[in-house]
N, C-alpha and C. Protein backbone atom coordinates (compact mmCIF):
# COMPACT_ATOMS: atom_id res chain seq x y z
N UNK A 1 6.68 -3.85 -19.98
CA UNK A 1 6.37 -4.53 -18.88
C UNK A 1 7.12 -4.28 -17.64
N UNK A 2 8.49 -4.67 -18.24
CA UNK A 2 9.63 -4.55 -17.22
C UNK A 2 10.02 -3.08 -16.62
N UNK A 3 9.55 -1.90 -17.27
CA UNK A 3 9.50 -0.72 -16.34
C UNK A 3 8.61 -0.54 -15.49
N UNK A 4 7.39 -1.40 -15.38
CA UNK A 4 6.31 -1.34 -14.31
C UNK A 4 7.08 -2.04 -13.35
N UNK A 5 7.45 -3.56 -13.89
CA UNK A 5 7.96 -4.07 -12.59
C UNK A 5 9.26 -3.46 -11.90
N UNK A 6 9.88 -2.71 -12.65
CA UNK A 6 11.07 -2.14 -11.80
C UNK A 6 10.70 -1.08 -11.06
N UNK A 7 9.66 -0.30 -11.46
CA UNK A 7 8.87 0.70 -10.60
C UNK A 7 8.46 0.40 -9.29
N UNK A 8 7.66 -1.19 -9.65
CA UNK A 8 7.18 -1.81 -8.40
C UNK A 8 8.07 -1.97 -7.29
N UNK A 9 9.11 -2.64 -7.85
CA UNK A 9 10.30 -3.04 -7.04
C UNK A 9 10.99 -1.72 -6.25
N UNK A 10 10.88 -0.66 -6.89
CA UNK A 10 11.51 0.75 -6.37
C UNK A 10 10.53 1.09 -5.20
N UNK A 11 9.26 1.15 -5.46
CA UNK A 11 8.18 1.36 -4.53
C UNK A 11 8.22 0.63 -3.40
N UNK A 12 8.42 -0.70 -3.59
CA UNK A 12 8.58 -1.65 -2.39
C UNK A 12 9.54 -1.68 -1.38
N UNK A 13 10.57 -1.31 -2.07
CA UNK A 13 12.14 -0.90 -1.63
C UNK A 13 12.04 0.31 -0.88
N UNK A 14 11.47 1.30 -1.42
CA UNK A 14 11.11 2.59 -0.58
C UNK A 14 10.61 2.51 0.62
N UNK A 15 9.28 1.78 0.46
CA UNK A 15 8.35 1.50 1.47
C UNK A 15 9.11 0.62 2.56
N UNK A 16 9.77 -0.69 2.25
CA UNK A 16 10.54 -1.17 3.42
C UNK A 16 11.80 -0.22 4.03
N UNK A 17 12.22 0.29 3.25
CA UNK A 17 13.27 1.45 3.68
C UNK A 17 12.70 2.29 5.04
N UNK A 18 11.40 2.90 4.39
CA UNK A 18 10.88 3.59 5.55
C UNK A 18 10.54 3.04 6.67
N UNK A 19 10.10 1.68 6.69
CA UNK A 19 9.58 1.11 7.82
C UNK A 19 10.45 0.59 8.48
N UNK A 20 11.50 0.37 8.14
CA UNK A 20 13.10 -0.07 8.58
C UNK A 20 13.27 1.01 9.31
N UNK A 21 13.18 2.49 9.09
CA UNK A 21 13.71 3.46 9.48
C UNK A 21 12.67 3.61 10.95
N UNK A 22 11.49 3.55 10.74
CA UNK A 22 10.70 3.58 11.43
C UNK A 22 10.72 2.80 12.90
N UNK A 23 10.86 1.62 12.20
CA UNK A 23 11.05 0.25 13.45
C UNK A 23 12.36 0.53 14.19
N UNK A 24 13.17 1.20 13.65
CA UNK A 24 14.75 1.39 14.40
C UNK A 24 14.53 2.55 15.42
N UNK A 25 13.29 3.26 15.92
CA UNK A 25 12.94 4.28 16.54
C UNK A 25 12.28 3.87 17.66
N UNK A 26 12.29 3.74 18.93
CA UNK A 26 11.57 3.57 19.77
C UNK A 26 11.14 4.45 20.67
N UNK A 27 11.50 5.65 21.14
CA UNK A 27 11.23 6.39 22.17
C UNK A 27 11.11 7.92 21.59
N UNK A 28 11.97 8.06 20.35
CA UNK A 28 11.83 9.22 19.57
C UNK A 28 10.32 9.70 18.53
N UNK A 29 9.55 10.06 19.54
CA UNK A 29 8.01 10.09 19.41
C UNK A 29 8.10 11.38 17.94
N UNK A 30 9.14 11.95 17.93
CA UNK A 30 8.99 13.23 16.86
C UNK A 30 9.57 12.55 15.57
N UNK A 31 10.54 12.04 15.79
CA UNK A 31 11.13 11.63 14.63
C UNK A 31 10.35 10.53 14.08
N UNK A 32 9.65 9.69 14.75
CA UNK A 32 8.61 8.59 14.37
C UNK A 32 7.13 9.42 13.65
N UNK A 33 6.80 10.60 14.40
CA UNK A 33 6.13 11.01 13.50
C UNK A 33 6.37 11.76 11.96
N UNK A 34 7.68 11.83 12.01
CA UNK A 34 7.96 12.86 10.93
C UNK A 34 8.13 11.54 9.71
N UNK A 35 8.56 10.53 9.81
CA UNK A 35 8.71 9.27 9.10
C UNK A 35 7.12 8.65 8.79
N UNK A 36 6.27 8.52 9.67
CA UNK A 36 4.74 8.65 9.23
C UNK A 36 4.43 9.34 8.59
N UNK A 37 4.27 10.71 8.59
CA UNK A 37 4.05 11.59 7.59
C UNK A 37 4.78 11.32 6.03
N UNK A 38 5.83 11.05 6.42
CA UNK A 38 6.62 10.94 4.93
C UNK A 38 6.32 9.81 4.18
N UNK A 39 6.00 8.91 4.96
CA UNK A 39 5.21 7.36 4.37
C UNK A 39 4.04 7.88 3.87
N UNK A 40 3.04 8.59 4.56
CA UNK A 40 1.48 8.66 3.96
C UNK A 40 1.70 9.93 2.90
N UNK A 41 2.69 10.61 2.58
CA UNK A 41 2.63 11.47 1.53
C UNK A 41 3.28 10.78 0.30
N UNK A 42 3.73 9.57 0.61
CA UNK A 42 4.42 8.66 -0.74
C UNK A 42 3.09 8.18 -1.22
N UNK A 43 2.04 8.25 -0.70
CA UNK A 43 0.59 7.60 -1.46
C UNK A 43 0.24 9.08 -2.30
N UNK A 44 -0.25 8.82 -3.42
CA UNK A 44 -1.27 9.57 -4.19
C UNK A 44 -2.64 9.51 -3.94
N UNK A 45 -3.26 8.42 -3.80
CA UNK A 45 -4.70 8.34 -3.23
C UNK A 45 -4.49 7.03 -2.64
N UNK A 46 -5.86 7.16 -1.48
CA UNK A 46 -6.20 6.13 -0.57
C UNK A 46 -7.80 6.10 -1.11
N UNK A 47 -8.03 4.79 -1.63
CA UNK A 47 -9.42 4.59 -2.02
C UNK A 47 -10.34 3.42 -1.37
N UNK A 48 -11.46 3.27 -1.29
CA UNK A 48 -11.92 2.17 -0.72
C UNK A 48 -13.22 1.76 -1.15
N UNK A 49 -13.77 0.67 -1.18
CA UNK A 49 -14.96 0.21 -1.85
C UNK A 49 -15.63 -0.75 -0.78
N UNK A 50 -16.97 -1.11 -1.21
CA UNK A 50 -17.59 -2.07 -0.64
C UNK A 50 -17.97 -3.21 -1.05
N UNK A 51 -18.36 -4.21 -0.69
CA UNK A 51 -18.75 -5.43 -1.28
C UNK A 51 -20.29 -5.50 -1.63
N UNK A 52 -20.46 -6.47 -2.62
CA UNK A 52 -21.65 -7.01 -3.20
C UNK A 52 -22.75 -7.09 -2.03
N UNK A 53 -23.64 -6.73 -1.90
CA UNK A 53 -24.65 -6.70 -0.52
C UNK A 53 -26.31 -6.66 -1.03
N UNK A 54 -27.13 -7.77 -0.56
CA UNK A 54 -28.45 -7.45 -0.48
C UNK A 54 -29.15 -6.47 0.32
N UNK A 55 -28.02 -6.02 1.63
CA UNK A 55 -28.54 -5.38 2.59
C UNK A 55 -28.31 -3.72 2.06
N UNK A 56 -29.23 -2.81 1.70
CA UNK A 56 -28.80 -1.35 1.30
C UNK A 56 -28.04 -0.42 2.50
N UNK A 57 -28.05 -1.03 3.94
CA UNK A 57 -27.51 -0.31 4.76
C UNK A 57 -25.99 -0.94 5.37
N UNK A 58 -25.83 -2.00 4.47
CA UNK A 58 -24.36 -2.13 4.57
C UNK A 58 -23.56 -1.56 3.93
N UNK A 59 -22.66 -0.67 4.27
CA UNK A 59 -22.01 0.05 3.32
C UNK A 59 -20.45 0.44 3.65
N UNK A 60 -20.28 -0.46 4.80
CA UNK A 60 -18.81 -0.57 5.21
C UNK A 60 -17.66 -0.83 4.19
N UNK A 61 -16.81 -0.15 4.02
CA UNK A 61 -15.98 -0.72 3.03
C UNK A 61 -14.98 -1.76 3.31
N UNK A 62 -14.77 -2.46 2.37
CA UNK A 62 -14.51 -3.83 2.60
C UNK A 62 -12.86 -4.27 2.22
N UNK A 63 -12.65 -3.18 0.82
CA UNK A 63 -11.49 -3.47 0.24
C UNK A 63 -10.91 -2.12 0.31
N UNK A 64 -9.43 -2.05 -0.05
CA UNK A 64 -8.39 -0.55 0.01
C UNK A 64 -7.61 -0.90 -1.01
N UNK A 65 -7.04 0.30 -1.69
CA UNK A 65 -5.93 0.53 -2.64
C UNK A 65 -5.40 1.89 -2.37
N UNK A 66 -4.18 1.65 -2.49
CA UNK A 66 -3.25 2.79 -2.13
C UNK A 66 -2.64 3.08 -3.17
N UNK A 67 -2.56 4.15 -4.05
CA UNK A 67 -2.10 4.20 -5.41
C UNK A 67 -0.80 4.89 -5.26
N UNK A 68 0.24 4.53 -5.40
CA UNK A 68 1.87 4.92 -5.25
C UNK A 68 2.23 5.77 -6.79
N UNK A 69 1.89 5.32 -7.97
CA UNK A 69 2.24 6.09 -9.04
C UNK A 69 1.10 5.51 -10.23
N UNK A 70 1.00 6.57 -11.17
CA UNK A 70 -0.16 6.34 -12.05
C UNK A 70 0.78 6.36 -13.51
N UNK A 71 -0.36 5.89 -14.23
CA UNK A 71 0.21 6.31 -15.82
C UNK A 71 1.07 5.11 -16.09
N UNK A 72 2.11 5.19 -16.87
CA UNK A 72 2.70 3.94 -17.38
C UNK A 72 3.86 3.99 -16.67
N UNK A 73 4.47 3.30 -15.69
CA UNK A 73 3.84 2.35 -15.07
C UNK A 73 2.94 2.96 -14.00
N UNK A 74 1.97 1.93 -13.60
CA UNK A 74 0.91 2.34 -12.62
C UNK A 74 1.12 1.35 -11.57
N UNK A 75 1.47 1.54 -10.27
CA UNK A 75 1.76 0.75 -9.23
C UNK A 75 0.68 1.08 -7.84
N UNK A 76 0.14 0.04 -7.28
CA UNK A 76 -0.62 0.35 -6.20
C UNK A 76 -0.69 -0.95 -5.29
N UNK A 77 -1.29 -0.81 -4.03
CA UNK A 77 -1.33 -1.82 -3.06
C UNK A 77 -2.74 -2.00 -2.84
N UNK A 78 -2.94 -2.97 -2.96
CA UNK A 78 -4.72 -3.61 -2.76
C UNK A 78 -4.51 -4.54 -1.52
N UNK A 79 -5.80 -4.29 -0.88
CA UNK A 79 -5.93 -5.61 -0.22
C UNK A 79 -7.71 -5.49 0.76
N UNK A 80 -7.64 -6.23 1.83
CA UNK A 80 -8.63 -6.33 2.69
C UNK A 80 -8.59 -4.85 3.92
N UNK A 81 -9.78 -4.61 4.17
CA UNK A 81 -9.38 -3.25 5.10
C UNK A 81 -9.33 -3.93 6.54
N UNK A 82 -9.18 -5.25 6.76
CA UNK A 82 -8.89 -5.86 8.04
C UNK A 82 -7.50 -6.49 7.69
N UNK A 83 -6.70 -6.15 6.70
CA UNK A 83 -5.26 -6.55 6.23
C UNK A 83 -5.01 -7.75 6.29
N UNK A 84 -6.10 -8.52 6.35
CA UNK A 84 -5.75 -9.86 6.07
C UNK A 84 -5.10 -10.65 4.90
N UNK A 85 -5.20 -9.43 3.88
CA UNK A 85 -4.48 -9.69 2.57
C UNK A 85 -4.11 -8.40 1.92
N UNK A 86 -2.78 -8.34 1.70
CA UNK A 86 -2.25 -6.95 1.39
C UNK A 86 -1.52 -7.39 -0.22
N UNK A 87 -1.40 -6.88 -1.16
CA UNK A 87 -0.65 -7.10 -2.44
C UNK A 87 -0.29 -5.83 -3.01
N UNK A 88 1.02 -5.80 -3.98
CA UNK A 88 1.50 -4.78 -4.51
C UNK A 88 1.43 -5.20 -6.15
N UNK A 89 0.62 -4.30 -6.50
CA UNK A 89 0.18 -4.60 -7.95
C UNK A 89 0.79 -3.49 -8.78
N UNK A 90 1.50 -3.90 -9.94
CA UNK A 90 1.53 -3.18 -10.97
C UNK A 90 1.27 -3.27 -12.66
N UNK A 91 1.21 -2.32 -13.14
CA UNK A 91 0.91 -2.56 -14.74
C UNK A 91 1.33 -1.19 -15.56
N UNK A 92 1.90 -1.89 -16.98
CA UNK A 92 2.20 -0.82 -17.85
C UNK A 92 1.04 -0.49 -18.99
N UNK A 93 1.24 0.41 -19.63
CA UNK A 93 0.53 0.96 -20.74
C UNK A 93 0.07 -0.49 -21.23
N UNK A 94 -1.30 -0.67 -21.45
CA UNK A 94 -1.85 -1.67 -22.25
C UNK A 94 -1.53 -3.09 -21.63
N UNK A 95 -0.97 -3.17 -20.62
CA UNK A 95 -0.78 -4.54 -20.13
C UNK A 95 -1.66 -5.13 -18.95
N UNK A 96 -1.89 -6.41 -18.80
CA UNK A 96 -2.53 -6.92 -17.50
C UNK A 96 -2.08 -6.03 -16.12
N UNK A 97 -2.87 -6.11 -15.06
CA UNK A 97 -2.44 -5.88 -13.88
C UNK A 97 -1.73 -7.06 -13.42
N UNK A 98 -0.48 -6.83 -12.69
CA UNK A 98 0.35 -8.24 -12.27
C UNK A 98 0.84 -7.57 -10.75
N UNK A 99 0.89 -8.89 -10.10
CA UNK A 99 1.20 -8.60 -8.86
C UNK A 99 2.62 -9.11 -8.59
N UNK A 100 3.59 -8.13 -7.46
CA UNK A 100 5.28 -8.47 -7.32
C UNK A 100 5.07 -8.77 -5.93
N UNK A 101 5.64 -10.23 -5.65
CA UNK A 101 5.73 -10.84 -4.32
C UNK A 101 6.99 -10.63 -3.86
N UNK A 102 6.99 -10.09 -2.77
CA UNK A 102 8.56 -9.97 -2.14
C UNK A 102 8.73 -10.94 -1.03
N UNK A 103 9.59 -11.10 -0.31
CA UNK A 103 9.78 -11.82 0.84
C UNK A 103 8.98 -11.70 2.02
N UNK A 104 8.77 -12.58 2.93
CA UNK A 104 8.16 -12.87 4.11
C UNK A 104 8.27 -11.33 4.66
N UNK A 105 9.70 -10.73 5.06
CA UNK A 105 9.73 -9.64 5.56
C UNK A 105 9.14 -8.16 4.89
N UNK A 106 9.44 -8.42 3.62
CA UNK A 106 8.89 -7.36 3.05
C UNK A 106 7.30 -7.54 2.88
N UNK A 107 6.66 -8.34 2.76
CA UNK A 107 5.18 -8.52 3.07
C UNK A 107 4.91 -7.93 4.48
N UNK A 108 5.63 -8.19 5.29
CA UNK A 108 5.12 -7.49 6.55
C UNK A 108 5.27 -6.10 6.51
N UNK A 109 6.45 -5.64 6.36
CA UNK A 109 6.73 -4.26 6.14
C UNK A 109 5.67 -3.67 5.12
N UNK A 110 5.02 -4.33 4.29
CA UNK A 110 4.11 -3.53 3.34
C UNK A 110 2.87 -3.43 4.03
N UNK A 111 2.64 -4.89 4.90
CA UNK A 111 1.27 -4.57 5.60
C UNK A 111 1.32 -3.46 7.05
N UNK A 112 2.62 -3.38 7.46
CA UNK A 112 2.70 -2.22 8.19
C UNK A 112 2.80 -0.99 8.04
N UNK A 113 3.19 -0.70 6.68
CA UNK A 113 2.73 0.25 5.99
C UNK A 113 1.20 0.92 5.66
N UNK A 114 0.50 -0.10 5.31
CA UNK A 114 -0.67 0.27 5.15
C UNK A 114 -1.50 0.34 6.38
N UNK A 115 -1.02 -0.12 7.61
CA UNK A 115 -1.54 0.25 9.17
C UNK A 115 -1.54 1.72 9.34
N UNK A 116 -0.57 2.51 8.61
CA UNK A 116 -0.52 4.16 8.53
C UNK A 116 -1.70 4.81 8.26
N UNK A 117 -2.74 4.08 7.17
CA UNK A 117 -3.56 4.84 6.86
C UNK A 117 -5.26 4.29 7.57
N UNK A 118 -6.06 5.15 7.22
CA UNK A 118 -7.45 5.10 8.03
C UNK A 118 -8.40 4.67 6.62
N UNK A 119 -8.92 3.64 6.74
CA UNK A 119 -9.88 3.09 5.55
C UNK A 119 -11.28 2.98 5.90
N UNK A 120 -11.75 3.78 7.29
CA UNK A 120 -13.12 4.10 7.58
C UNK A 120 -13.72 3.20 8.18
N UNK A 121 -13.05 2.07 8.74
CA UNK A 121 -13.78 1.13 9.50
C UNK A 121 -13.02 0.97 10.90
């Protein structure tokens, strides 16, 4: 489980570094595009799912996950598509899913990272 936590921490540090680099740029739109592309390419997959509903026409996604690495360890970001809730989860082989909680600044930058993706709503 320690390997999975270490990988989750490394993923968080990478995302924080990317977002800090992005935030340091103000009017250099070409450099911003390059960093945003690098951030998007960091994800292995972007997935959404809908909530339980009795209305068959209600198919708007309400949850997302961004898979950052898979196997042992597995690291992903999960949250609501409106980004009210975002968390970084990790799991080793045969272990239960755990959440890694960073500082408030890290959480804000993780949320900013999630804003780079389109979840279909």
